[in-house]
Amino acid sequence: MKGILQRGSKKGVELTWTLGKVIFPVTLIVTILQYTPVLPWVMEKLEPLMGWIGLSGEAAVPLVLGNFLNLYAGIAAIISFEFTVKEVFIMAVMMSFSHNLIIESTVAKKVGVSWWIVVGVRLGLAFFSAALINLFWKG
C-alpha cells in the first residue's frame, strides 16, 4: 500500500509540474493581451470565420479564453458581451468539445495519444457542430 501511495504521489507531482509549465505562461500571455490592442485586432481578423459559423467577431474572446484557459473563463467572457441566444448556444456547444485544449491535450500526450490528433478532432467537432447549428437553427 505504501508503494502505491508513493508512486501515485510521484506521478501526481510530475503531472502537476507538467501542467503548471503550460498553465502559467498561457494565463500570463492572455492577461497581458487583454491590455493591448491585440485582442481587437484578433477579433477583426477572425470575424469572417466567425460569421461562417454564426458568430460575431467578439465571440473570439470567449472561445479563445475557453480553449486556452478553461471553460469557466470562457463562460465569464460570454456574459461580458451581449450575444444572442443562438450565439451563446453555438459557443457553449463549441466549448463543450474544445475547452482547455492545451491542458487536456498535454494530459492526453502523457498517456500516449498524439497531441495533434486530440486537438484536431476536438476543434474539428467544435467547428462542424457550430456550422450545423448555424445552418439548421435560425435562432
N, C-alpha and C. Protein backbone atom coordinates (compact mmCIF):
# COMPACT_ATOMS: atom_id res chain seq x y z
N MET A 1 0.83 -1.19 0.00
CA MET A 1 0.00 0.00 0.00
C MET A 1 0.87 1.25 0.00
N LYS A 2 1.95 1.22 0.80
CA LYS A 2 2.83 2.37 0.88
C LYS A 2 3.49 2.66 -0.47
N GLY A 3 3.85 1.62 -1.20
CA GLY A 3 4.47 1.77 -2.52
C GLY A 3 3.51 2.40 -3.52
N ILE A 4 2.24 2.00 -3.44
CA ILE A 4 1.23 2.56 -4.33
C ILE A 4 1.07 4.05 -4.08
N LEU A 5 1.00 4.43 -2.80
CA LEU A 5 0.86 5.85 -2.45
C LEU A 5 2.08 6.66 -2.90
N GLN A 6 3.26 6.09 -2.74
CA GLN A 6 4.48 6.80 -3.15
C GLN A 6 4.52 7.00 -4.67
N ARG A 7 4.22 5.92 -5.41
CA ARG A 7 4.22 6.03 -6.88
C ARG A 7 3.13 6.98 -7.36
N GLY A 8 1.96 6.90 -6.75
CA GLY A 8 0.86 7.79 -7.13
C GLY A 8 1.18 9.23 -6.83
N SER A 9 1.79 9.48 -5.67
CA SER A 9 2.17 10.84 -5.30
C SER A 9 3.23 11.38 -6.25
N LYS A 10 4.20 10.54 -6.59
CA LYS A 10 5.26 10.97 -7.51
C LYS A 10 4.67 11.32 -8.88
N LYS A 11 3.81 10.48 -9.40
CA LYS A 11 3.17 10.75 -10.70
C LYS A 11 2.30 12.00 -10.63
N GLY A 12 1.61 12.20 -9.52
CA GLY A 12 0.78 13.39 -9.35
C GLY A 12 1.60 14.67 -9.37
N VAL A 13 2.73 14.66 -8.68
CA VAL A 13 3.61 15.82 -8.65
C VAL A 13 4.19 16.07 -10.05
N GLU A 14 4.58 15.01 -10.75
CA GLU A 14 5.12 15.16 -12.11
C GLU A 14 4.07 15.77 -13.04
N LEU A 15 2.85 15.30 -12.95
CA LEU A 15 1.78 15.82 -13.80
C LEU A 15 1.46 17.27 -13.44
N THR A 16 1.44 17.59 -12.16
CA THR A 16 1.21 18.97 -11.73
C THR A 16 2.29 19.88 -12.28
N TRP A 17 3.53 19.45 -12.23
CA TRP A 17 4.63 20.25 -12.75
C TRP A 17 4.48 20.45 -14.26
N THR A 18 4.15 19.39 -14.97
CA THR A 18 3.96 19.47 -16.43
C THR A 18 2.84 20.44 -16.78
N LEU A 19 1.71 20.34 -16.09
CA LEU A 19 0.58 21.23 -16.37
C LEU A 19 0.89 22.66 -15.95
N GLY A 20 1.58 22.84 -14.84
CA GLY A 20 1.95 24.17 -14.38
C GLY A 20 2.82 24.90 -15.39
N LYS A 21 3.70 24.16 -16.07
CA LYS A 21 4.56 24.77 -17.09
C LYS A 21 3.73 25.24 -18.28
N VAL A 22 2.54 24.72 -18.44
CA VAL A 22 1.65 25.15 -19.53
C VAL A 22 0.69 26.23 -19.04
N ILE A 23 0.07 26.01 -17.90
CA ILE A 23 -0.97 26.91 -17.41
C ILE A 23 -0.44 28.30 -17.12
N PHE A 24 0.67 28.41 -16.43
CA PHE A 24 1.18 29.72 -16.04
C PHE A 24 1.50 30.62 -17.23
N PRO A 25 2.27 30.16 -18.22
CA PRO A 25 2.56 31.04 -19.35
C PRO A 25 1.32 31.44 -20.15
N VAL A 26 0.40 30.50 -20.35
CA VAL A 26 -0.81 30.82 -21.11
C VAL A 26 -1.63 31.87 -20.38
N THR A 27 -1.80 31.69 -19.09
CA THR A 27 -2.56 32.67 -18.29
C THR A 27 -1.89 34.04 -18.35
N LEU A 28 -0.60 34.08 -18.22
CA LEU A 28 0.14 35.33 -18.26
C LEU A 28 -0.01 36.02 -19.62
N ILE A 29 0.16 35.27 -20.69
CA ILE A 29 0.07 35.85 -22.04
C ILE A 29 -1.32 36.40 -22.31
N VAL A 30 -2.36 35.63 -21.99
CA VAL A 30 -3.72 36.10 -22.25
C VAL A 30 -4.03 37.33 -21.40
N THR A 31 -3.58 37.35 -20.17
CA THR A 31 -3.82 38.51 -19.31
C THR A 31 -3.14 39.75 -19.88
N ILE A 32 -1.94 39.61 -20.34
CA ILE A 32 -1.23 40.74 -20.95
C ILE A 32 -1.94 41.21 -22.21
N LEU A 33 -2.37 40.27 -23.04
CA LEU A 33 -3.05 40.63 -24.30
C LEU A 33 -4.35 41.37 -24.07
N GLN A 34 -4.99 41.17 -22.93
CA GLN A 34 -6.23 41.87 -22.63
C GLN A 34 -6.01 43.38 -22.51
N TYR A 35 -4.79 43.80 -22.23
CA TYR A 35 -4.49 45.21 -22.04
C TYR A 35 -3.75 45.82 -23.23
N THR A 36 -3.76 45.14 -24.35
CA THR A 36 -3.12 45.64 -25.56
C THR A 36 -4.15 45.73 -26.68
N PRO A 37 -3.79 46.35 -27.80
CA PRO A 37 -4.71 46.40 -28.94
C PRO A 37 -4.77 45.08 -29.72
N VAL A 38 -4.11 44.06 -29.23
CA VAL A 38 -4.05 42.79 -29.95
C VAL A 38 -5.43 42.12 -30.03
N LEU A 39 -6.17 42.08 -28.92
CA LEU A 39 -7.48 41.39 -28.94
C LEU A 39 -8.45 42.01 -29.94
N PRO A 40 -8.60 43.35 -30.01
CA PRO A 40 -9.47 43.90 -31.04
C PRO A 40 -9.01 43.53 -32.46
N TRP A 41 -7.71 43.50 -32.66
CA TRP A 41 -7.16 43.13 -33.96
C TRP A 41 -7.50 41.68 -34.29
N VAL A 42 -7.36 40.79 -33.29
CA VAL A 42 -7.70 39.38 -33.49
C VAL A 42 -9.19 39.22 -33.80
N MET A 43 -10.04 39.95 -33.08
CA MET A 43 -11.48 39.87 -33.33
C MET A 43 -11.81 40.31 -34.74
N GLU A 44 -11.17 41.36 -35.20
CA GLU A 44 -11.39 41.85 -36.56
C GLU A 44 -10.96 40.81 -37.60
N LYS A 45 -9.82 40.19 -37.39
CA LYS A 45 -9.30 39.20 -38.34
C LYS A 45 -10.13 37.92 -38.35
N LEU A 46 -10.69 37.56 -37.20
CA LEU A 46 -11.48 36.32 -37.12
C LEU A 46 -12.95 36.50 -37.49
N GLU A 47 -13.38 37.74 -37.69
CA GLU A 47 -14.80 37.99 -37.97
C GLU A 47 -15.33 37.21 -39.18
N PRO A 48 -14.59 37.10 -40.30
CA PRO A 48 -15.13 36.31 -41.43
C PRO A 48 -15.36 34.83 -41.08
N LEU A 49 -14.42 34.24 -40.38
CA LEU A 49 -14.57 32.83 -39.96
C LEU A 49 -15.72 32.70 -38.98
N MET A 50 -15.81 33.63 -38.05
CA MET A 50 -16.86 33.56 -37.04
C MET A 50 -18.23 33.72 -37.70
N GLY A 51 -18.33 34.58 -38.69
CA GLY A 51 -19.60 34.76 -39.40
C GLY A 51 -20.05 33.50 -40.09
N TRP A 52 -19.11 32.71 -40.58
CA TRP A 52 -19.43 31.46 -41.26
C TRP A 52 -20.10 30.46 -40.32
N ILE A 53 -19.78 30.56 -39.05
CA ILE A 53 -20.38 29.64 -38.07
C ILE A 53 -21.44 30.33 -37.21
N GLY A 54 -21.89 31.51 -37.65
CA GLY A 54 -22.99 32.18 -36.97
C GLY A 54 -22.62 33.02 -35.77
N LEU A 55 -21.37 33.44 -35.68
CA LEU A 55 -20.91 34.21 -34.53
C LEU A 55 -20.35 35.55 -34.97
N SER A 56 -20.38 36.51 -34.07
CA SER A 56 -19.75 37.81 -34.32
C SER A 56 -18.26 37.70 -34.00
N GLY A 57 -17.50 38.71 -34.41
CA GLY A 57 -16.07 38.71 -34.11
C GLY A 57 -15.78 38.72 -32.63
N GLU A 58 -16.69 39.32 -31.84
CA GLU A 58 -16.50 39.36 -30.39
C GLU A 58 -16.50 37.98 -29.76
N ALA A 59 -17.13 37.02 -30.43
CA ALA A 59 -17.20 35.66 -29.90
C ALA A 59 -15.82 35.00 -29.84
N ALA A 60 -14.86 35.57 -30.54
CA ALA A 60 -13.50 35.02 -30.49
C ALA A 60 -12.93 35.09 -29.08
N VAL A 61 -13.30 36.12 -28.33
CA VAL A 61 -12.75 36.28 -26.98
C VAL A 61 -13.15 35.12 -26.06
N PRO A 62 -14.47 34.81 -25.91
CA PRO A 62 -14.82 33.68 -25.05
C PRO A 62 -14.27 32.34 -25.57
N LEU A 63 -14.23 32.19 -26.89
CA LEU A 63 -13.72 30.92 -27.43
C LEU A 63 -12.23 30.76 -27.15
N VAL A 64 -11.48 31.83 -27.32
CA VAL A 64 -10.04 31.76 -27.03
C VAL A 64 -9.81 31.48 -25.55
N LEU A 65 -10.52 32.22 -24.69
CA LEU A 65 -10.35 32.00 -23.25
C LEU A 65 -10.79 30.60 -22.84
N GLY A 66 -11.91 30.14 -23.37
CA GLY A 66 -12.39 28.80 -23.04
C GLY A 66 -11.46 27.71 -23.54
N ASN A 67 -10.86 27.92 -24.71
CA ASN A 67 -9.99 26.90 -25.28
C ASN A 67 -8.59 26.91 -24.68
N PHE A 68 -8.09 28.09 -24.33
CA PHE A 68 -6.72 28.16 -23.84
C PHE A 68 -6.59 28.23 -22.33
N LEU A 69 -7.59 28.78 -21.64
CA LEU A 69 -7.52 28.81 -20.18
C LEU A 69 -8.40 27.70 -19.63
N ASN A 70 -9.69 28.00 -19.46
CA ASN A 70 -10.60 26.96 -19.00
C ASN A 70 -12.02 27.34 -19.35
N LEU A 71 -12.91 26.42 -19.17
CA LEU A 71 -14.31 26.60 -19.53
C LEU A 71 -14.93 27.76 -18.77
N TYR A 72 -14.56 27.93 -17.53
CA TYR A 72 -15.14 28.99 -16.71
C TYR A 72 -14.72 30.37 -17.18
N ALA A 73 -13.50 30.50 -17.68
CA ALA A 73 -13.07 31.79 -18.25
C ALA A 73 -13.88 32.10 -19.50
N GLY A 74 -14.16 31.09 -20.30
CA GLY A 74 -14.99 31.29 -21.48
C GLY A 74 -16.41 31.70 -21.14
N ILE A 75 -16.97 31.07 -20.12
CA ILE A 75 -18.33 31.41 -19.68
C ILE A 75 -18.36 32.84 -19.14
N ALA A 76 -17.36 33.20 -18.37
CA ALA A 76 -17.30 34.56 -17.84
C ALA A 76 -17.21 35.59 -18.97
N ALA A 77 -16.47 35.26 -20.01
CA ALA A 77 -16.36 36.18 -21.14
C ALA A 77 -17.68 36.28 -21.90
N ILE A 78 -18.42 35.19 -21.98
CA ILE A 78 -19.72 35.22 -22.67
C ILE A 78 -20.65 36.23 -22.03
N ILE A 79 -20.67 36.25 -20.70
CA ILE A 79 -21.60 37.17 -20.04
C ILE A 79 -21.09 38.62 -20.05
N SER A 80 -19.85 38.81 -20.51
CA SER A 80 -19.30 40.16 -20.61
C SER A 80 -19.76 40.89 -21.87
N PHE A 81 -20.29 40.15 -22.82
CA PHE A 81 -20.75 40.72 -24.08
C PHE A 81 -22.25 40.52 -24.21
N GLU A 82 -22.84 41.17 -25.20
CA GLU A 82 -24.27 40.99 -25.46
C GLU A 82 -24.44 40.11 -26.69
N PHE A 83 -24.49 38.80 -26.46
CA PHE A 83 -24.67 37.84 -27.53
C PHE A 83 -26.13 37.42 -27.63
N THR A 84 -26.53 36.96 -28.81
CA THR A 84 -27.87 36.41 -28.98
C THR A 84 -27.92 35.01 -28.37
N VAL A 85 -29.13 34.50 -28.21
CA VAL A 85 -29.28 33.14 -27.68
C VAL A 85 -28.60 32.14 -28.60
N LYS A 86 -28.74 32.35 -29.90
CA LYS A 86 -28.10 31.44 -30.86
C LYS A 86 -26.58 31.46 -30.72
N GLU A 87 -26.00 32.64 -30.57
CA GLU A 87 -24.55 32.74 -30.42
C GLU A 87 -24.07 32.05 -29.14
N VAL A 88 -24.80 32.26 -28.05
CA VAL A 88 -24.44 31.62 -26.79
C VAL A 88 -24.52 30.10 -26.92
N PHE A 89 -25.57 29.62 -27.58
CA PHE A 89 -25.72 28.17 -27.76
C PHE A 89 -24.57 27.61 -28.60
N ILE A 90 -24.23 28.30 -29.69
CA ILE A 90 -23.13 27.83 -30.55
C ILE A 90 -21.82 27.80 -29.77
N MET A 91 -21.54 28.87 -29.02
CA MET A 91 -20.29 28.89 -28.23
C MET A 91 -20.28 27.81 -27.16
N ALA A 92 -21.43 27.58 -26.53
CA ALA A 92 -21.49 26.55 -25.48
C ALA A 92 -21.19 25.17 -26.07
N VAL A 93 -21.77 24.88 -27.23
CA VAL A 93 -21.52 23.58 -27.86
C VAL A 93 -20.06 23.48 -28.30
N MET A 94 -19.54 24.55 -28.88
CA MET A 94 -18.13 24.53 -29.31
C MET A 94 -17.19 24.31 -28.13
N MET A 95 -17.43 25.04 -27.04
CA MET A 95 -16.53 24.90 -25.89
C MET A 95 -16.71 23.56 -25.19
N SER A 96 -17.87 22.93 -25.35
CA SER A 96 -18.03 21.60 -24.75
C SER A 96 -17.12 20.59 -25.45
N PHE A 97 -16.84 20.82 -26.72
CA PHE A 97 -15.92 19.95 -27.44
C PHE A 97 -14.46 20.34 -27.24
N SER A 98 -14.18 21.63 -27.14
CA SER A 98 -12.78 22.04 -27.25
C SER A 98 -12.23 22.87 -26.09
N HIS A 99 -12.86 22.85 -24.93
CA HIS A 99 -12.34 23.61 -23.79
C HIS A 99 -11.00 23.05 -23.32
N ASN A 100 -10.22 23.92 -22.68
CA ASN A 100 -8.92 23.52 -22.10
C ASN A 100 -8.04 22.75 -23.08
N LEU A 101 -7.95 23.21 -24.31
CA LEU A 101 -7.22 22.46 -25.33
C LEU A 101 -5.79 22.13 -24.93
N ILE A 102 -5.07 23.10 -24.45
CA ILE A 102 -3.65 22.86 -24.16
C ILE A 102 -3.49 21.90 -22.99
N ILE A 103 -4.24 22.13 -21.94
CA ILE A 103 -4.10 21.30 -20.74
C ILE A 103 -4.53 19.87 -21.01
N GLU A 104 -5.72 19.70 -21.56
CA GLU A 104 -6.23 18.35 -21.78
C GLU A 104 -5.44 17.61 -22.86
N SER A 105 -4.93 18.34 -23.84
CA SER A 105 -4.10 17.70 -24.86
C SER A 105 -2.76 17.29 -24.29
N THR A 106 -2.24 18.07 -23.34
CA THR A 106 -0.99 17.71 -22.66
C THR A 106 -1.19 16.44 -21.85
N VAL A 107 -2.33 16.32 -21.18
CA VAL A 107 -2.63 15.11 -20.43
C VAL A 107 -2.74 13.93 -21.38
N ALA A 108 -3.43 14.12 -22.51
CA ALA A 108 -3.58 13.04 -23.49
C ALA A 108 -2.21 12.60 -24.02
N LYS A 109 -1.32 13.55 -24.26
CA LYS A 109 0.02 13.21 -24.73
C LYS A 109 0.77 12.39 -23.69
N LYS A 110 0.57 12.73 -22.41
CA LYS A 110 1.23 12.00 -21.33
C LYS A 110 0.83 10.53 -21.31
N VAL A 111 -0.40 10.22 -21.76
CA VAL A 111 -0.85 8.83 -21.75
C VAL A 111 -0.65 8.16 -23.11
N GLY A 112 0.01 8.88 -24.05
CA GLY A 112 0.40 8.26 -25.31
C GLY A 112 -0.44 8.59 -26.53
N VAL A 113 -1.38 9.51 -26.41
CA VAL A 113 -2.20 9.89 -27.56
C VAL A 113 -1.55 11.11 -28.23
N SER A 114 -1.50 11.12 -29.55
CA SER A 114 -0.89 12.22 -30.27
C SER A 114 -1.60 13.54 -29.97
N TRP A 115 -0.81 14.55 -29.61
CA TRP A 115 -1.34 15.88 -29.28
C TRP A 115 -2.12 16.44 -30.47
N TRP A 116 -1.58 16.29 -31.67
CA TRP A 116 -2.20 16.84 -32.88
C TRP A 116 -3.53 16.18 -33.19
N ILE A 117 -3.63 14.90 -32.96
CA ILE A 117 -4.90 14.20 -33.20
C ILE A 117 -5.97 14.69 -32.23
N VAL A 118 -5.61 14.81 -30.96
CA VAL A 118 -6.57 15.27 -29.96
C VAL A 118 -7.07 16.67 -30.30
N VAL A 119 -6.16 17.58 -30.58
CA VAL A 119 -6.53 18.96 -30.91
C VAL A 119 -7.35 19.00 -32.20
N GLY A 120 -6.91 18.26 -33.20
CA GLY A 120 -7.62 18.25 -34.49
C GLY A 120 -9.04 17.74 -34.38
N VAL A 121 -9.22 16.64 -33.67
CA VAL A 121 -10.56 16.07 -33.53
C VAL A 121 -11.46 17.01 -32.72
N ARG A 122 -10.95 17.54 -31.64
CA ARG A 122 -11.77 18.42 -30.79
C ARG A 122 -12.15 19.71 -31.51
N LEU A 123 -11.19 20.35 -32.19
CA LEU A 123 -11.52 21.56 -32.93
C LEU A 123 -12.41 21.26 -34.13
N GLY A 124 -12.15 20.13 -34.79
CA GLY A 124 -12.99 19.74 -35.93
C GLY A 124 -14.44 19.55 -35.51
N LEU A 125 -14.65 18.86 -34.40
CA LEU A 125 -16.01 18.66 -33.90
C LEU A 125 -16.65 19.98 -33.48
N ALA A 126 -15.87 20.86 -32.87
CA ALA A 126 -16.40 22.16 -32.44
C ALA A 126 -16.88 22.98 -33.63
N PHE A 127 -16.05 23.09 -34.67
CA PHE A 127 -16.43 23.89 -35.83
C PHE A 127 -17.52 23.21 -36.66
N PHE A 128 -17.47 21.90 -36.77
CA PHE A 128 -18.52 21.17 -37.51
C PHE A 128 -19.87 21.34 -36.84
N SER A 129 -19.91 21.20 -35.52
CA SER A 129 -21.18 21.35 -34.81
C SER A 129 -21.69 22.79 -34.90
N ALA A 130 -20.78 23.77 -34.82
CA ALA A 130 -21.19 25.18 -34.94
C ALA A 130 -21.77 25.46 -36.31
N ALA A 131 -21.13 24.92 -37.35
CA ALA A 131 -21.64 25.12 -38.71
C ALA A 131 -23.02 24.48 -38.87
N LEU A 132 -23.21 23.29 -38.32
CA LEU A 132 -24.52 22.63 -38.41
C LEU A 132 -25.60 23.41 -37.67
N ILE A 133 -25.28 23.88 -36.48
CA ILE A 133 -26.26 24.67 -35.72
C ILE A 133 -26.61 25.94 -36.49
N ASN A 134 -25.61 26.61 -37.01
CA ASN A 134 -25.86 27.83 -37.77
C ASN A 134 -26.69 27.56 -39.02
N LEU A 135 -26.45 26.44 -39.65
CA LEU A 135 -27.16 26.10 -40.88
C LEU A 135 -28.62 25.73 -40.64
N PHE A 136 -28.87 24.95 -39.57
CA PHE A 136 -30.21 24.40 -39.38
C PHE A 136 -31.08 25.13 -38.35
N TRP A 137 -30.47 25.94 -37.50
CA TRP A 137 -31.27 26.63 -36.48
C TRP A 137 -31.23 28.12 -36.74
N LYS A 138 -32.40 28.70 -36.88
CA LYS A 138 -32.49 30.13 -37.19
C LYS A 138 -32.41 31.01 -35.95
N GLY A 139 -32.52 30.43 -34.80
CA GLY A 139 -32.33 31.20 -33.56
C GLY A 139 -33.56 31.86 -33.03
